[in-house]
PDB file of N, CA and C in Angstrom:
ATOM      1  N   MET A   1     -21.675  -6.044 -21.610  1.00  0.00           N
ATOM      2  CA  MET A   1     -19.933  -5.827 -21.878  1.00  0.00           C
ATOM      3  C   MET A   1     -19.408  -5.034 -20.811  1.00  0.00           C
ATOM      4  N   MET A   2     -18.321  -6.028 -19.764  1.00  0.00           N
ATOM      5  CA  MET A   2     -17.246  -5.501 -18.814  1.00  0.00           C
ATOM      6  C   MET A   2     -15.747  -5.566 -19.193  1.00  0.00           C
ATOM      7  N   LEU A   3     -15.429  -4.406 -18.828  1.00  0.00           N
ATOM      8  CA  LEU A   3     -14.481  -3.741 -19.137  1.00  0.00           C
ATOM      9  C   LEU A   3     -13.602  -3.274 -18.456  1.00  0.00           C
ATOM     10  N   ASP A   4     -12.418  -4.073 -18.192  1.00  0.00           N
ATOM     11  CA  ASP A   4     -11.446  -4.109 -16.986  1.00  0.00           C
ATOM     12  C   ASP A   4     -11.016  -2.282 -17.252  1.00  0.00           C
ATOM     13  N   ARG A   5     -10.845  -2.105 -15.668  1.00  0.00           N
ATOM     14  CA  ARG A   5     -10.524  -0.525 -15.957  1.00  0.00           C
ATOM     15  C   ARG A   5      -9.105  -0.367 -15.907  1.00  0.00           C
ATOM     16  N   HIS A   6      -7.994  -1.361 -15.580  1.00  0.00           N
ATOM     17  CA  HIS A   6      -7.134  -1.209 -15.323  1.00  0.00           C
ATOM     18  C   HIS A   6      -6.192  -1.328 -16.687  1.00  0.00           C
ATOM     19  N   GLU A   7      -6.965  -1.532 -17.693  1.00  0.00           N
ATOM     20  CA  GLU A   7      -6.425  -1.722 -18.713  1.00  0.00           C
ATOM     21  C   GLU A   7      -6.187  -0.430 -19.938  1.00  0.00           C
ATOM     22  N   ALA A   8      -5.215   0.134 -20.697  1.00  0.00           N
ATOM     23  CA  ALA A   8      -5.811   0.773 -21.669  1.00  0.00           C
ATOM     24  C   ALA A   8      -7.007   0.588 -22.524  1.00  0.00           C
ATOM     25  N   HIS A   9      -7.686   1.486 -22.760  1.00  0.00           N
ATOM     26  CA  HIS A   9      -8.757   0.738 -24.167  1.00  0.00           C
ATOM     27  C   HIS A   9      -9.117   2.408 -25.052  1.00  0.00           C
ATOM     28  N   ASP A  10      -7.643   2.614 -25.259  1.00  0.00           N
ATOM     29  CA  ASP A  10      -7.612   4.280 -26.284  1.00  0.00           C
ATOM     30  C   ASP A  10      -8.299   3.162 -27.691  1.00  0.00           C
ATOM     31  N   ASN A  11      -8.483   2.058 -28.003  1.00  0.00           N
ATOM     32  CA  ASN A  11      -8.804   1.920 -29.541  1.00  0.00           C
ATOM     33  C   ASN A  11     -10.200   1.718 -29.341  1.00  0.00           C
ATOM     34  N   LEU A  12     -10.815   1.765 -28.229  1.00  0.00           N
ATOM     35  CA  LEU A  12     -12.289   1.421 -28.489  1.00  0.00           C
ATOM     36  C   LEU A  12     -12.837   2.557 -28.356  1.00  0.00           C
ATOM     37  N   ASN A  13     -14.423   2.449 -29.277  1.00  0.00           N
ATOM     38  CA  ASN A  13     -15.513   3.304 -29.171  1.00  0.00           C
ATOM     39  C   ASN A  13     -15.684   4.172 -27.616  1.00  0.00           C
ATOM     40  N   GLN A  14     -15.876   5.421 -27.684  1.00  0.00           N
ATOM     41  CA  GLN A  14     -15.789   6.508 -26.409  1.00  0.00           C
ATOM     42  C   GLN A  14     -17.062   5.833 -26.133  1.00  0.00           C
ATOM     43  N   GLN A  15     -18.312   5.245 -26.726  1.00  0.00           N
ATOM     44  CA  GLN A  15     -19.271   5.127 -26.267  1.00  0.00           C
ATOM     45  C   GLN A  15     -19.223   3.736 -25.336  1.00  0.00           C
ATOM     46  N   VAL A  16     -18.176   2.793 -25.521  1.00  0.00           N
ATOM     47  CA  VAL A  16     -18.373   1.620 -24.598  1.00  0.00           C
ATOM     48  C   VAL A  16     -17.403   1.850 -24.164  1.00  0.00           C
ATOM     49  N   ARG A  17     -16.632   2.606 -23.431  1.00  0.00           N
ATOM     50  CA  ARG A  17     -15.541   2.746 -22.132  1.00  0.00           C
ATOM     51  C   ARG A  17     -17.061   2.937 -21.091  1.00  0.00           C
ATOM     52  N   ASP A  18     -16.517   2.260 -20.037  1.00  0.00           N
ATOM     53  CA  ASP A  18     -16.562   3.197 -18.772  1.00  0.00           C
ATOM     54  C   ASP A  18     -16.821   4.480 -19.022  1.00  0.00           C
ATOM     55  N   PRO A  19     -17.938   4.757 -18.586  1.00  0.00           N
ATOM     56  CA  PRO A  19     -17.831   6.151 -17.910  1.00  0.00           C
ATOM     57  C   PRO A  19     -17.306   6.772 -17.389  1.00  0.00           C
ATOM     58  N   ARG A  20     -16.912   6.119 -16.268  1.00  0.00           N
ATOM     59  CA  ARG A  20     -16.076   6.577 -14.844  1.00  0.00           C
ATOM     60  C   ARG A  20     -14.758   7.142 -15.440  1.00  0.00           C
ATOM     61  N   ASP A  21     -14.108   6.484 -16.616  1.00  0.00           N
ATOM     62  CA  ASP A  21     -13.015   6.784 -17.457  1.00  0.00           C
ATOM     63  C   ASP A  21     -12.973   8.168 -17.834  1.00  0.00           C
ATOM     64  N   ALA A  22     -13.787   8.667 -17.753  1.00  0.00           N
ATOM     65  CA  ALA A  22     -14.076  10.207 -18.869  1.00  0.00           C
ATOM     66  C   ALA A  22     -13.998  11.169 -18.022  1.00  0.00           C
ATOM     67  N   THR A  23     -13.992  10.509 -16.541  1.00  0.00           N
ATOM     68  CA  THR A  23     -13.899  11.787 -15.325  1.00  0.00           C
ATOM     69  C   THR A  23     -12.496  12.392 -15.459  1.00  0.00           C
ATOM     70  N   ALA A  24     -12.314  13.771 -15.986  1.00  0.00           N
ATOM     71  CA  ALA A  24     -10.457  14.523 -15.787  1.00  0.00           C
ATOM     72  C   ALA A  24      -9.842  14.521 -14.449  1.00  0.00           C
ATOM     73  N   PRO A  25      -8.720  14.205 -14.199  1.00  0.00           N
ATOM     74  CA  PRO A  25      -8.551  13.940 -13.096  1.00  0.00           C
ATOM     75  C   PRO A  25      -8.294  15.267 -12.469  1.00  0.00           C
ATOM     76  N   ALA A  26      -8.816  16.238 -12.834  1.00  0.00           N
ATOM     77  CA  ALA A  26      -8.894  17.927 -11.902  1.00  0.00           C
ATOM     78  C   ALA A  26     -10.306  18.033 -11.701  1.00  0.00           C
ATOM     79  N   GLU A  27     -11.071  16.946 -11.777  1.00  0.00           N
ATOM     80  CA  GLU A  27     -12.375  17.125 -12.025  1.00  0.00           C
ATOM     81  C   GLU A  27     -13.072  16.334 -10.636  1.00  0.00           C
ATOM     82  N   ARG A  28     -12.104  15.139 -10.362  1.00  0.00           N
ATOM     83  CA  ARG A  28     -12.638  14.286  -9.202  1.00  0.00           C
ATOM     84  C   ARG A  28     -12.292  15.337  -7.542  1.00  0.00           C
ATOM     85  N   PRO A  29     -13.063  14.099  -6.866  1.00  0.00           N
ATOM     86  CA  PRO A  29     -13.487  14.951  -5.366  1.00  0.00           C
ATOM     87  C   PRO A  29     -11.591  14.704  -4.897  1.00  0.00           C
ATOM     88  N   ALA A  30     -11.348  15.709  -3.797  1.00  0.00           N
ATOM     89  CA  ALA A  30     -10.255  15.545  -2.858  1.00  0.00           C
ATOM     90  C   ALA A  30     -10.165  14.296  -2.782  1.00  0.00           C
ATOM     91  N   PRO A  31     -10.334  13.074  -2.106  1.00  0.00           N
ATOM     92  CA  PRO A  31      -9.452  11.951  -1.683  1.00  0.00           C
ATOM     93  C   PRO A  31      -9.137  11.081  -2.436  1.00  0.00           C
ATOM     94  N   ASP A  32      -9.499  11.758  -4.255  1.00  0.00           N
ATOM     95  CA  ASP A  32      -8.714  10.642  -5.119  1.00  0.00           C
ATOM     96  C   ASP A  32      -7.865  11.183  -5.587  1.00  0.00           C
ATOM     97  N   ARG A  33      -7.277  12.721  -4.758  1.00  0.00           N
ATOM     98  CA  ARG A  33      -6.157  12.525  -5.409  1.00  0.00           C
ATOM     99  C   ARG A  33      -5.090  13.036  -4.767  1.00  0.00           C
ATOM    100  N   GLU A  34      -3.833  13.264  -5.172  1.00  0.00           N
ATOM    101  CA  GLU A  34      -2.561  12.857  -3.521  1.00  0.00           C
ATOM    102  C   GLU A  34      -3.213  14.994  -3.032  1.00  0.00           C
ATOM    103  N   VAL A  35      -2.902  14.842  -1.628  1.00  0.00           N
ATOM    104  CA  VAL A  35      -2.871  15.624  -0.892  1.00  0.00           C
ATOM    105  C   VAL A  35      -1.914  15.760   0.108  1.00  0.00           C
ATOM    106  N   PRO A  36      -1.340  17.002  -0.407  1.00  0.00           N
ATOM    107  CA  PRO A  36       0.289  17.304   0.583  1.00  0.00           C
ATOM    108  C   PRO A  36      -0.084  17.260   1.794  1.00  0.00           C
ATOM    109  N   LEU A  37       0.561  16.551   2.665  1.00  0.00           N
ATOM    110  CA  LEU A  37       0.011  16.333   4.069  1.00  0.00           C
ATOM    111  C   LEU A  37       0.849  17.774   5.083  1.00  0.00           C
ATOM    112  N   PRO A  38       0.385  18.521   6.091  1.00  0.00           N
ATOM    113  CA  PRO A  38       0.458  19.261   6.400  1.00  0.00           C
ATOM    114  C   PRO A  38       1.622  19.456   7.739  1.00  0.00           C
ATOM    115  N   GLY A  39       2.384  20.273   7.174  1.00  0.00           N
ATOM    116  CA  GLY A  39       3.685  20.305   8.237  1.00  0.00           C
ATOM    117  C   GLY A  39       4.601  19.485   7.409  1.00  0.00           C
ATOM    118  N   VAL A  40       4.602  18.683   6.222  1.00  0.00           N
ATOM    119  CA  VAL A  40       5.748  18.437   5.219  1.00  0.00           C
ATOM    120  C   VAL A  40       6.020  19.048   3.765  1.00  0.00           C
ATOM    121  N   SER A  41       6.955  19.342   3.672  1.00  0.00           N
ATOM    122  CA  SER A  41       7.674  20.446   2.962  1.00  0.00           C
ATOM    123  C   SER A  41       8.146  19.572   1.901  1.00  0.00           C
ATOM    124  N   ALA A  42       8.779  20.090   1.094  1.00  0.00           N
ATOM    125  CA  ALA A  42       9.294  18.893  -0.471  1.00  0.00           C
ATOM    126  C   ALA A  42      10.441  19.122   0.056  1.00  0.00           C
ATOM    127  N   ALA A  43      11.079  19.818   1.195  1.00  0.00           N
ATOM    128  CA  ALA A  43      12.703  19.422   1.725  1.00  0.00           C
ATOM    129  C   ALA A  43      12.294  17.959   2.048  1.00  0.00           C
ATOM    130  N   ASP A  44      11.338  18.046   2.878  1.00  0.00           N
ATOM    131  CA  ASP A  44      11.499  17.212   3.992  1.00  0.00           C
ATOM    132  C   ASP A  44      10.720  15.050   3.070  1.00  0.00           C
ATOM    133  N   GLN A  45      10.789  15.190   2.046  1.00  0.00           N
ATOM    134  CA  GLN A  45      10.215  14.634   0.853  1.00  0.00           C
ATOM    135  C   GLN A  45      11.732  13.504   0.851  1.00  0.00           C
ATOM    136  N   THR A  46      11.060  12.471   0.609  1.00  0.00           N
ATOM    137  CA  THR A  46      12.412  11.627   0.402  1.00  0.00           C
ATOM    138  C   THR A  46      12.934  11.513  -0.790  1.00  0.00           C
ATOM    139  N   THR A  47      14.434  11.246  -0.993  1.00  0.00           N
ATOM    140  CA  THR A  47      15.380  11.856  -1.477  1.00  0.00           C
ATOM    141  C   THR A  47      15.762  10.457  -2.273  1.00  0.00           C
ATOM    142  N   ASP A  48      16.520  10.323  -3.978  1.00  0.00           N
ATOM    143  CA  ASP A  48      16.702   9.473  -4.570  1.00  0.00           C
ATOM    144  C   ASP A  48      17.607   8.548  -3.697  1.00  0.00           C
ATOM    145  N   ALA A  49      18.487   9.060  -3.152  1.00  0.00           N
ATOM    146  CA  ALA A  49      19.774   8.391  -2.218  1.00  0.00           C
ATOM    147  C   ALA A  49      19.310   8.147  -0.954  1.00  0.00           C
ATOM    148  N   VAL A  50      18.089   8.331  -0.348  1.00  0.00           N
ATOM    149  CA  VAL A  50      17.420   7.766   0.537  1.00  0.00           C
ATOM    150  C   VAL A  50      16.628   6.146  -0.066  1.00  0.00           C
ATOM    151  N   GLN A  51      15.904   6.790  -0.501  1.00  0.00           N
ATOM    152  CA  GLN A  51      14.706   5.872  -1.343  1.00  0.00           C
ATOM    153  C   GLN A  51      16.060   4.636  -2.252  1.00  0.00           C
ATOM    154  N   ARG A  52      17.142   4.852  -2.515  1.00  0.00           N
ATOM    155  CA  ARG A  52      18.297   3.968  -2.527  1.00  0.00           C
ATOM    156  C   ARG A  52      19.113   2.921  -1.778  1.00  0.00           C
ATOM    157  N   TRP A  53      19.181   3.873  -0.409  1.00  0.00           N
ATOM    158  CA  TRP A  53      19.430   2.793   0.919  1.00  0.00           C
ATOM    159  C   TRP A  53      17.986   1.851   1.284  1.00  0.00           C
ATOM    160  N   LEU A  54      16.846   2.541   1.331  1.00  0.00           N
ATOM    161  CA  LEU A  54      16.152   1.770   1.686  1.00  0.00           C
ATOM    162  C   LEU A  54      16.060   0.467   0.808  1.00  0.00           C
ATOM    163  N   ASP A  55      16.416   0.787  -0.534  1.00  0.00           N
ATOM    164  CA  ASP A  55      15.994  -0.331  -1.083  1.00  0.00           C
ATOM    165  C   ASP A  55      17.389  -1.339  -1.492  1.00  0.00           C
ATOM    166  N   GLY A  56      18.613  -1.007  -0.382  1.00  0.00           N
ATOM    167  CA  GLY A  56      19.342  -1.765  -0.454  1.00  0.00           C
ATOM    168  C   GLY A  56      20.713  -1.956  -1.840  1.00  0.00           C
ATOM    169  N   ASP A  57      20.081  -0.299  -2.107  1.00  0.00           N
ATOM    170  CA  ASP A  57      21.694  -0.117  -3.297  1.00  0.00           C
ATOM    171  C   ASP A  57      21.984   0.471  -3.261  1.00  0.00           C
ATOM    172  N   ALA A  58      22.335   1.937  -2.051  1.00  0.00           N
ATOM    173  CA  ALA A  58      23.138   2.848  -1.153  1.00  0.00           C
ATOM    174  C   ALA A  58      23.283   2.122   0.243  1.00  0.00           C
ATOM    175  N   THR A  59      24.465   2.825   0.451  1.00  0.00           N
ATOM    176  CA  THR A  59      24.970   3.040   1.829  1.00  0.00           C
ATOM    177  C   THR A  59      24.039   3.833   2.460  1.00  0.00           C
ATOM    178  N   GLU A  60      24.326   3.520   3.897  1.00  0.00           N
ATOM    179  CA  GLU A  60      23.671   4.220   4.710  1.00  0.00           C
ATOM    180  C   GLU A  60      24.048   6.009   4.714  1.00  0.00           C
ATOM    181  N   ALA A  61      25.539   6.122   4.930  1.00  0.00           N
ATOM    182  CA  ALA A  61      26.244   7.026   4.630  1.00  0.00           C
ATOM    183  C   ALA A  61      25.674   7.988   3.428  1.00  0.00           C
ATOM    184  N   GLU A  62      26.108   7.522   2.696  1.00  0.00           N
ATOM    185  CA  GLU A  62      25.203   8.584   1.319  1.00  0.00           C
ATOM    186  C   GLU A  62      23.959   8.718   1.547  1.00  0.00           C
ATOM    187  N   ALA A  63      23.169   8.123   1.763  1.00  0.00           N
ATOM    188  CA  ALA A  63      21.918   8.752   2.183  1.00  0.00           C
ATOM    189  C   ALA A  63      21.900   9.615   3.410  1.00  0.00           C
ATOM    190  N   ARG A  64      22.644   9.583   4.367  1.00  0.00           N
ATOM    191  CA  ARG A  64      22.573  10.750   5.447  1.00  0.00           C
ATOM    192  C   ARG A  64      23.394  11.757   4.708  1.00  0.00           C
ATOM    193  N   ALA A  65      24.194  11.646   3.911  1.00  0.00           N
ATOM    194  CA  ALA A  65      24.800  12.840   3.367  1.00  0.00           C
ATOM    195  C   ALA A  65      23.473  13.553   2.419  1.00  0.00           C
ATOM    196  N   GLU A  66      22.864  12.830   1.924  1.00  0.00           N
ATOM    197  CA  GLU A  66      21.641  13.560   1.233  1.00  0.00           C
ATOM    198  C   GLU A  66      20.322  14.174   2.134  1.00  0.00           C
ATOM    199  N   ASN A  67      19.854  13.058   3.286  1.00  0.00           N
ATOM    200  CA  ASN A  67      19.402  13.696   3.773  1.00  0.00           C
ATOM    201  C   ASN A  67      19.049  13.294   5.662  1.00  0.00           C
ATOM    202  N   GLU A  68      19.860  14.006   6.200  1.00  0.00           N
ATOM    203  CA  GLU A  68      19.988  13.203   7.389  1.00  0.00           C
ATOM    204  C   GLU A  68      18.677  13.048   8.364  1.00  0.00           C
ATOM    205  N   GLN A  69      17.924  13.870   8.106  1.00  0.00           N
ATOM    206  CA  GLN A  69      16.166  13.805   8.723  1.00  0.00           C
ATOM    207  C   GLN A  69      15.461  12.672   8.504  1.00  0.00           C
ATOM    208  N   ALA A  70      15.351  12.251   7.219  1.00  0.00           N
ATOM    209  CA  ALA A  70      14.831  10.730   6.420  1.00  0.00           C
ATOM    210  C   ALA A  70      15.536   9.519   6.959  1.00  0.00           C
ATOM    211  N   VAL A  71      16.780  10.044   7.197  1.00  0.00           N
ATOM    212  CA  VAL A  71      17.330   8.545   7.681  1.00  0.00           C
ATOM    213  C   VAL A  71      17.137   7.920   8.844  1.00  0.00           C
ATOM    214  N   ALA A  72      17.103   9.242   9.609  1.00  0.00           N
ATOM    215  CA  ALA A  72      16.819   9.448  11.587  1.00  0.00           C
ATOM    216  C   ALA A  72      15.365   8.732  11.320  1.00  0.00           C
ATOM    217  N   PHE A  73      14.181   9.508  10.417  1.00  0.00           N
ATOM    218  CA  PHE A  73      12.844   9.061  10.616  1.00  0.00           C
ATOM    219  C   PHE A  73      13.007   7.365   9.954  1.00  0.00           C
ATOM    220  N   TRP A  74      13.569   6.565   9.140  1.00  0.00           N
ATOM    221  CA  TRP A  74      13.495   5.438   8.411  1.00  0.00           C
ATOM    222  C   TRP A  74      13.899   4.566   9.268  1.00  0.00           C
ATOM    223  N   MET A  75      15.102   5.118  10.296  1.00  0.00           N
ATOM    224  CA  MET A  75      15.684   4.409  11.268  1.00  0.00           C
ATOM    225  C   MET A  75      14.532   4.095  12.533  1.00  0.00           C
ATOM    226  N   ARG A  76      14.170   5.217  12.622  1.00  0.00           N
ATOM    227  CA  ARG A  76      12.985   4.980  13.886  1.00  0.00           C
ATOM    228  C   ARG A  76      12.039   3.856  13.476  1.00  0.00           C
ATOM    229  N   VAL A  77      11.231   4.115  12.248  1.00  0.00           N
ATOM    230  CA  VAL A  77      10.109   3.558  12.014  1.00  0.00           C
ATOM    231  C   VAL A  77      11.117   2.060  11.934  1.00  0.00           C
ATOM    232  N   ASN A  78      12.310   1.299  11.379  1.00  0.00           N
ATOM    233  CA  ASN A  78      12.539   0.090  11.122  1.00  0.00           C
ATOM    234  C   ASN A  78      12.663   0.204  12.909  1.00  0.00           C
ATOM    235  N   THR A  79      13.280   0.318  13.858  1.00  0.00           N
ATOM    236  CA  THR A  79      13.125   0.062  15.152  1.00  0.00           C
ATOM    237  C   THR A  79      11.671   0.158  15.665  1.00  0.00           C
ATOM    238  N   ASP A  80      10.605   0.601  15.666  1.00  0.00           N
ATOM    239  CA  ASP A  80       9.727   0.301  16.293  1.00  0.00           C
ATOM    240  C   ASP A  80       8.806  -0.368  15.703  1.00  0.00           C
ATOM    241  N   ALA A  81       9.221  -0.728  14.510  1.00  0.00           N
ATOM    242  CA  ALA A  81       8.586  -1.902  13.478  1.00  0.00           C
ATOM    243  C   ALA A  81       8.743  -3.295  13.743  1.00  0.00           C
ATOM    244  N   GLY A  82      10.327  -3.203  14.407  1.00  0.00           N
ATOM    245  CA  GLY A  82      10.955  -4.397  14.729  1.00  0.00           C
ATOM    246  C   GLY A  82      10.413  -5.231  16.256  1.00  0.00           C
ATOM    247  N   VAL A  83      10.268  -3.666  17.212  1.00  0.00           N
ATOM    248  CA  VAL A  83       9.495  -3.980  18.388  1.00  0.00           C
ATOM    249  C   VAL A  83       8.151  -5.085  18.597  1.00  0.00           C
ATOM    250  N   MET A  84       7.248  -4.135  17.495  1.00  0.00           N
ATOM    251  CA  MET A  84       5.775  -4.709  16.908  1.00  0.00           C
ATOM    252  C   MET A  84       5.928  -6.005  16.130  1.00  0.00           C
ATOM    253  N   ARG A  85       6.758  -6.435  15.435  1.00  0.00           N
ATOM    254  CA  ARG A  85       7.029  -7.941  14.930  1.00  0.00           C
ATOM    255  C   ARG A  85       7.377  -8.360  16.240  1.00  0.00           C
ATOM    256  N   GLN A  86       7.912  -8.562  17.231  1.00  0.00           N
ATOM    257  CA  GLN A  86       8.107  -9.203  18.723  1.00  0.00           C
ATOM    258  C   GLN A  86       6.813  -9.745  19.209  1.00  0.00           C
ATOM    259  N   ALA A  87       5.809  -8.322  19.217  1.00  0.00           N
ATOM    260  CA  ALA A  87       4.788  -8.939  20.299  1.00  0.00           C
ATOM    261  C   ALA A  87       3.410  -9.695  19.789  1.00  0.00           C
ATOM    262  N   LYS A  88       3.610 -10.340  20.854  1.00  0.00           N
ATOM    263  CA  LYS A  88       2.774 -11.838  20.564  1.00  0.00           C
ATOM    264  C   LYS A  88       1.267 -11.164  21.231  1.00  0.00           C
ATOM    265  N   ALA A  89       0.255 -12.158  20.930  1.00  0.00           N
ATOM    266  CA  ALA A  89      -1.323 -11.891  21.084  1.00  0.00           C
ATOM    267  C   ALA A  89      -1.334 -12.455  22.347  1.00  0.00           C
ATOM    268  N   PRO A  90      -2.289 -11.906  22.981  1.00  0.00           N
ATOM    269  CA  PRO A  90      -2.603 -12.617  24.421  1.00  0.00           C
ATOM    270  C   PRO A  90      -2.798 -14.113  23.915  1.00  0.00           C
ATOM    271  N   ALA A  91      -3.052 -15.157  25.394  1.00  0.00           N
ATOM    272  CA  ALA A  91      -3.210 -16.021  25.134  1.00  0.00           C
ATOM    273  C   ALA A  91      -4.613 -16.406  25.218  1.00  0.00           C
ATOM    274  N   HIS A  92      -5.148 -15.868  25.386  1.00  0.00           N
ATOM    275  CA  HIS A  92      -6.775 -15.908  25.456  1.00  0.00           C
ATOM    276  C   HIS A  92      -7.367 -15.174  24.045  1.00  0.00           C
ATOM    277  N   LEU A  93      -6.815 -14.599  23.250  1.00  0.00           N
ATOM    278  CA  LEU A  93      -7.049 -14.284  21.904  1.00  0.00           C
ATOM    279  C   LEU A  93      -7.191 -15.643  21.246  1.00  0.00           C
ATOM    280  N   THR A  94      -5.674 -16.051  21.044  1.00  0.00           N
ATOM    281  CA  THR A  94      -5.551 -17.194  20.204  1.00  0.00           C
ATOM    282  C   THR A  94      -6.791 -18.195  20.459  1.00  0.00           C
ATOM    283  N   ALA A  95      -6.852 -18.344  21.649  1.00  0.00           N
ATOM    284  CA  ALA A  95      -7.482 -19.435  22.291  1.00  0.00           C
ATOM    285  C   ALA A  95      -8.815 -19.699  21.738  1.00  0.00           C
ATOM    286  N   ASN A  96      -9.352 -18.141  21.790  1.00  0.00           N
ATOM    287  CA  ASN A  96     -10.714 -17.046  21.640  1.00  0.00           C
ATOM    288  C   ASN A  96     -11.167 -17.946  19.819  1.00  0.00           C
ATOM    289  N   ILE A  97      -9.787 -17.598  19.254  1.00  0.00           N
ATOM    290  CA  ILE A  97     -10.038 -17.507  17.663  1.00  0.00           C
ATOM    291  C   ILE A  97     -10.259 -19.313  17.106  1.00  0.00           C
ATOM    292  N   MET A  98      -9.179 -19.705  17.804  1.00  0.00           N
ATOM    293  CA  MET A  98      -9.204 -21.469  17.475  1.00  0.00           C
ATOM    294  C   MET A  98     -10.170 -22.297  18.088  1.00  0.00           C
ATOM    295  N   ALA A  99     -11.014 -21.347  19.047  1.00  0.00           N
ATOM    296  CA  ALA A  99     -12.106 -21.950  19.634  1.00  0.00           C
ATOM    297  C   ALA A  99     -13.784 -21.571  18.250  1.00  0.00           C
ATOM    298  N   ALA A 100     -13.428 -20.483  17.820  1.00  0.00           N
ATOM    299  CA  ALA A 100     -14.465 -19.847  16.563  1.00  0.00           C
ATOM    300  C   ALA A 100     -14.382 -20.927  15.219  1.00  0.00           C
ATOM    301  N   LEU A 101     -13.688 -21.792  15.238  1.00  0.00           N
ATOM    302  CA  LEU A 101     -12.861 -22.181  13.733  1.00  0.00           C
ATOM    303  C   LEU A 101     -13.946 -23.938  13.916  1.00  0.00           C
ATOM    304  N   PRO A 102     -14.838 -23.988  12.728  1.00  0.00           N
ATOM    305  CA  PRO A 102     -15.269 -25.179  12.682  1.00  0.00           C
ATOM    306  C   PRO A 102     -14.062 -26.253  12.693  1.00  0.00           C
ATOM    307  N   ALA A 103     -15.091 -27.166  13.828  1.00  0.00           N
ATOM    308  CA  ALA A 103     -14.203 -28.525  13.766  1.00  0.00           C
ATOM    309  C   ALA A 103     -13.585 -29.214  12.954  1.00  0.00           C
ATOM    310  N   THR A 104     -14.753 -29.334  11.671  1.00  0.00           N
ATOM    311  CA  THR A 104     -14.522 -29.658  10.142  1.00  0.00           C
ATOM    312  C   THR A 104     -14.018 -28.621   9.430  1.00  0.00           C
ATOM    313  N   ALA A 105     -13.995 -29.480   8.378  1.00  0.00           N
ATOM    314  CA  ALA A 105     -13.604 -27.817   6.552  1.00  0.00           C
ATOM    315  C   ALA A 105     -14.937 -28.006   6.340  1.00  0.00           C
ATOM    316  N   PRO A 106     -15.559 -27.013   5.712  1.00  0.00           N
ATOM    317  CA  PRO A 106     -17.020 -26.811   5.181  1.00  0.00           C
ATOM    318  C   PRO A 106     -16.833 -27.562   3.683  1.00  0.00           C
ATOM    319  N   VAL A 107     -17.933 -28.198   3.299  1.00  0.00           N
ATOM    320  CA  VAL A 107     -18.564 -29.158   2.333  1.00  0.00           C
ATOM    321  C   VAL A 107     -17.822 -28.024   1.099  1.00  0.00           C
ATOM    322  N   VAL A 108     -17.179 -28.057   0.154  1.00  0.00           N
ATOM    323  CA  VAL A 108     -16.961 -27.056  -0.843  1.00  0.00           C
ATOM    324  C   VAL A 108     -18.413 -27.884  -2.052  1.00  0.00           C
ATOM    325  N   ASN A 109     -19.170 -27.119  -2.630  1.00  0.00           N
ATOM    326  CA  ASN A 109     -20.281 -27.568  -4.170  1.00  0.00           C
ATOM    327  C   ASN A 109     -19.227 -27.926  -4.707  1.00  0.00           C
ATOM    328  N   ALA A 110     -19.040 -29.054  -6.217  1.00  0.00           N
ATOM    329  CA  ALA A 110     -18.063 -29.102  -7.190  1.00  0.00           C
ATOM    330  C   ALA A 110     -18.495 -27.809  -8.089  1.00  0.00           C
ATOM    331  N   PRO A 111     -18.050 -27.181  -8.637  1.00  0.00           N
ATOM    332  CA  PRO A 111     -18.058 -25.936  -9.694  1.00  0.00           C
ATOM    333  C   PRO A 111     -19.428 -26.630 -10.969  1.00  0.00           C
ATOM    334  N   LEU A 112     -19.905 -25.587 -11.247  1.00  0.00           N
ATOM    335  CA  LEU A 112     -21.082 -25.523 -12.033  1.00  0.00           C
ATOM    336  C   LEU A 112     -20.282 -26.014 -13.637  1.00  0.00           C
ATOM    337  N   ALA A 113     -21.052 -26.503 -14.153  1.00  0.00           N
ATOM    338  CA  ALA A 113     -21.115 -27.373 -15.577  1.00  0.00           C
ATOM    339  C   ALA A 113     -20.742 -26.728 -16.184  1.00  0.00           C
ATOM    340  N   ASP A 114     -20.602 -26.060 -17.678  1.00  0.00           N
ATOM    341  CA  ASP A 114     -20.647 -24.934 -18.843  1.00  0.00           C
ATOM    342  C   ASP A 114     -21.655 -25.325 -19.442  1.00  0.00           C
TER     343      ASP A 114
END
């Protein structure tokens, strides 16, 4: 029996559950837990006003009043991402990709009957 680990199985017998679910969060290795970034304090975290601004639900002025540094950071991210969106792949890269594609579509076998 295979269980979907992304759904609650509280009503199932403990012996039927996936043994990986039994691990307590505190016992997980460090990569599975949230680890604070060096040099980032709680004051540097994105505030509610900044998050609402990023979602389009608040004005930039409201976000700046809450956390000027966060707004400046996200404005820079937007600027840099815009530059990257405009970047074009070199012509030889596109040609190499197209040359690697098969000339005809592969034949797909019919699904197996039950």
